[in-house]
Amino acid sequence: MVQRLSGRMQATHLEQLRARIGKNVRSIALDLEEVTLVDIDVVRFLGTCESQGIELRHCAPYIREWILRESARNDHNF
């Protein structure tokens, strides 16, 4: 199942997105092609999603880089 996301994604949207994903973590992909702006909470959420097996499709380079930086930063905190 593919969930298409669009526009500005903020922390206030995460509860609704979590509900849409539900327990289908392994069988879902998030299409980020139309996402224009994200905040730090969304970046962390997307990183967690990916680590749980959710595919991130059409992820903008700036979002991908931010996810990688946050992941590296969290790895250094442990």
C-alpha atoms as a PDB file:
ATOM      1  CA  MET A   1       0.000   0.000   0.000  1.00  0.00           C
ATOM      2  CA  VAL A   2       1.317   3.459  -0.894  1.00  0.00           C
ATOM      3  CA  GLN A   3       0.421   6.561   1.101  1.00  0.00           C
ATOM      4  CA  ARG A   4       0.961   9.748  -0.902  1.00  0.00           C
ATOM      5  CA  LEU A   5       1.931  12.758   1.131  1.00  0.00           C
ATOM      6  CA  SER A   6       1.917  16.321  -0.105  1.00  0.00           C
ATOM      7  CA  GLY A   7       2.583  19.879   0.902  1.00  0.00           C
ATOM      8  CA  ARG A   8       4.014  20.906   4.240  1.00  0.00           C
ATOM      9  CA  MET A   9       4.442  18.113   6.765  1.00  0.00           C
ATOM     10  CA  GLN A  10       4.599  19.146  10.405  1.00  0.00           C
ATOM     11  CA  ALA A  11       4.512  17.432  13.789  1.00  0.00           C
ATOM     12  CA  THR A  12       0.785  18.155  13.995  1.00  0.00           C
ATOM     13  CA  HIS A  13       0.242  15.767  11.055  1.00  0.00           C
ATOM     14  CA  LEU A  14       2.080  12.820  12.578  1.00  0.00           C
ATOM     15  CA  GLU A  15      -0.742  11.401  14.681  1.00  0.00           C
ATOM     16  CA  GLN A  16      -2.971  11.191  11.623  1.00  0.00           C
ATOM     17  CA  LEU A  17      -0.174   9.625   9.574  1.00  0.00           C
ATOM     18  CA  ARG A  18       0.543   7.058  12.309  1.00  0.00           C
ATOM     19  CA  ALA A  19      -3.149   6.126  12.274  1.00  0.00           C
ATOM     20  CA  ARG A  20      -3.072   5.670   8.491  1.00  0.00           C
ATOM     21  CA  ILE A  21      -0.018   3.447   8.707  1.00  0.00           C
ATOM     22  CA  GLY A  22      -1.402   1.432  11.590  1.00  0.00           C
ATOM     23  CA  LYS A  23       0.176  -1.966  11.982  1.00  0.00           C
ATOM     24  CA  ASN A  24       0.911  -2.297   8.250  1.00  0.00           C
ATOM     25  CA  VAL A  25       4.530  -1.225   8.684  1.00  0.00           C
ATOM     26  CA  ARG A  26       6.048  -3.903   6.473  1.00  0.00           C
ATOM     27  CA  SER A  27       3.530  -3.532   3.656  1.00  0.00           C
ATOM     28  CA  ILE A  28       3.511   0.234   3.245  1.00  0.00           C
ATOM     29  CA  ALA A  29       5.449   2.854   1.333  1.00  0.00           C
ATOM     30  CA  LEU A  30       5.331   6.609   1.783  1.00  0.00           C
ATOM     31  CA  ASP A  31       5.455   8.601  -1.455  1.00  0.00           C
ATOM     32  CA  LEU A  32       7.065  11.956  -0.665  1.00  0.00           C
ATOM     33  CA  GLU A  33       7.144  13.305  -4.226  1.00  0.00           C
ATOM     34  CA  GLU A  34       4.787  16.199  -3.481  1.00  0.00           C
ATOM     35  CA  VAL A  35       6.129  17.040  -0.011  1.00  0.00           C
ATOM     36  CA  THR A  36       7.533  20.559  -0.089  1.00  0.00           C
ATOM     37  CA  LEU A  37       8.581  21.226   3.499  1.00  0.00           C
ATOM     38  CA  VAL A  38       9.123  19.193   6.673  1.00  0.00           C
ATOM     39  CA  ASP A  39      10.032  19.971  10.266  1.00  0.00           C
ATOM     40  CA  ILE A  40      12.475  18.155  12.544  1.00  0.00           C
ATOM     41  CA  ASP A  41       9.782  15.951  14.091  1.00  0.00           C
ATOM     42  CA  VAL A  42       8.733  14.728  10.652  1.00  0.00           C
ATOM     43  CA  VAL A  43      12.357  14.044   9.702  1.00  0.00           C
ATOM     44  CA  ARG A  44      12.833  11.950  12.833  1.00  0.00           C
ATOM     45  CA  PHE A  45       9.533  10.159  12.181  1.00  0.00           C
ATOM     46  CA  LEU A  46      10.542   9.362   8.587  1.00  0.00           C
ATOM     47  CA  GLY A  47      13.880   8.021   9.791  1.00  0.00           C
ATOM     48  CA  THR A  48      12.089   5.772  12.272  1.00  0.00           C
ATOM     49  CA  CYS A  49       9.666   4.632   9.582  1.00  0.00           C
ATOM     50  CA  GLU A  50      12.517   3.678   7.296  1.00  0.00           C
ATOM     51  CA  SER A  51      14.333   1.803  10.063  1.00  0.00           C
ATOM     52  CA  GLN A  52      11.134  -0.205  10.609  1.00  0.00           C
ATOM     53  CA  GLY A  53      10.965  -1.228   6.959  1.00  0.00           C
ATOM     54  CA  ILE A  54       8.718   1.452   5.484  1.00  0.00           C
ATOM     55  CA  GLU A  55       9.913   2.474   2.037  1.00  0.00           C
ATOM     56  CA  LEU A  56      10.335   6.201   1.403  1.00  0.00           C
ATOM     57  CA  ARG A  57       9.685   6.871  -2.261  1.00  0.00           C
ATOM     58  CA  HIS A  58      10.668  10.029  -4.149  1.00  0.00           C
ATOM     59  CA  CYS A  59      12.320  11.506  -1.081  1.00  0.00           C
ATOM     60  CA  ALA A  60      13.742  14.957  -1.841  1.00  0.00           C
ATOM     61  CA  PRO A  61      17.523  15.146  -1.494  1.00  0.00           C
ATOM     62  CA  TYR A  62      17.340  17.706   1.313  1.00  0.00           C
ATOM     63  CA  ILE A  63      14.979  15.459   3.308  1.00  0.00           C
ATOM     64  CA  ARG A  64      17.169  12.399   2.680  1.00  0.00           C
ATOM     65  CA  GLU A  65      20.273  14.295   3.845  1.00  0.00           C
ATOM     66  CA  TRP A  66      18.468  15.561   6.947  1.00  0.00           C
ATOM     67  CA  ILE A  67      17.308  12.036   7.824  1.00  0.00           C
ATOM     68  CA  LEU A  68      20.874  10.779   7.479  1.00  0.00           C
ATOM     69  CA  ARG A  69      22.265  13.593   9.655  1.00  0.00           C
ATOM     70  CA  GLU A  70      19.667  12.971  12.371  1.00  0.00           C
ATOM     71  CA  SER A  71      20.355   9.249  12.277  1.00  0.00           C
ATOM     72  CA  ALA A  72      24.110   9.819  12.604  1.00  0.00           C
ATOM     73  CA  ARG A  73      23.533  12.291  15.406  1.00  0.00           C
ATOM     74  CA  ASN A  74      21.380   9.792  17.302  1.00  0.00           C
ATOM     75  CA  ASP A  75      23.990   7.072  16.800  1.00  0.00           C
ATOM     76  CA  HIS A  76      26.603   9.309  18.419  1.00  0.00           C
ATOM     77  CA  ASN A  77      24.387   9.957  21.439  1.00  0.00           C
ATOM     78  CA  PHE A  78      24.484   6.288  22.482  1.00  0.00           C
END
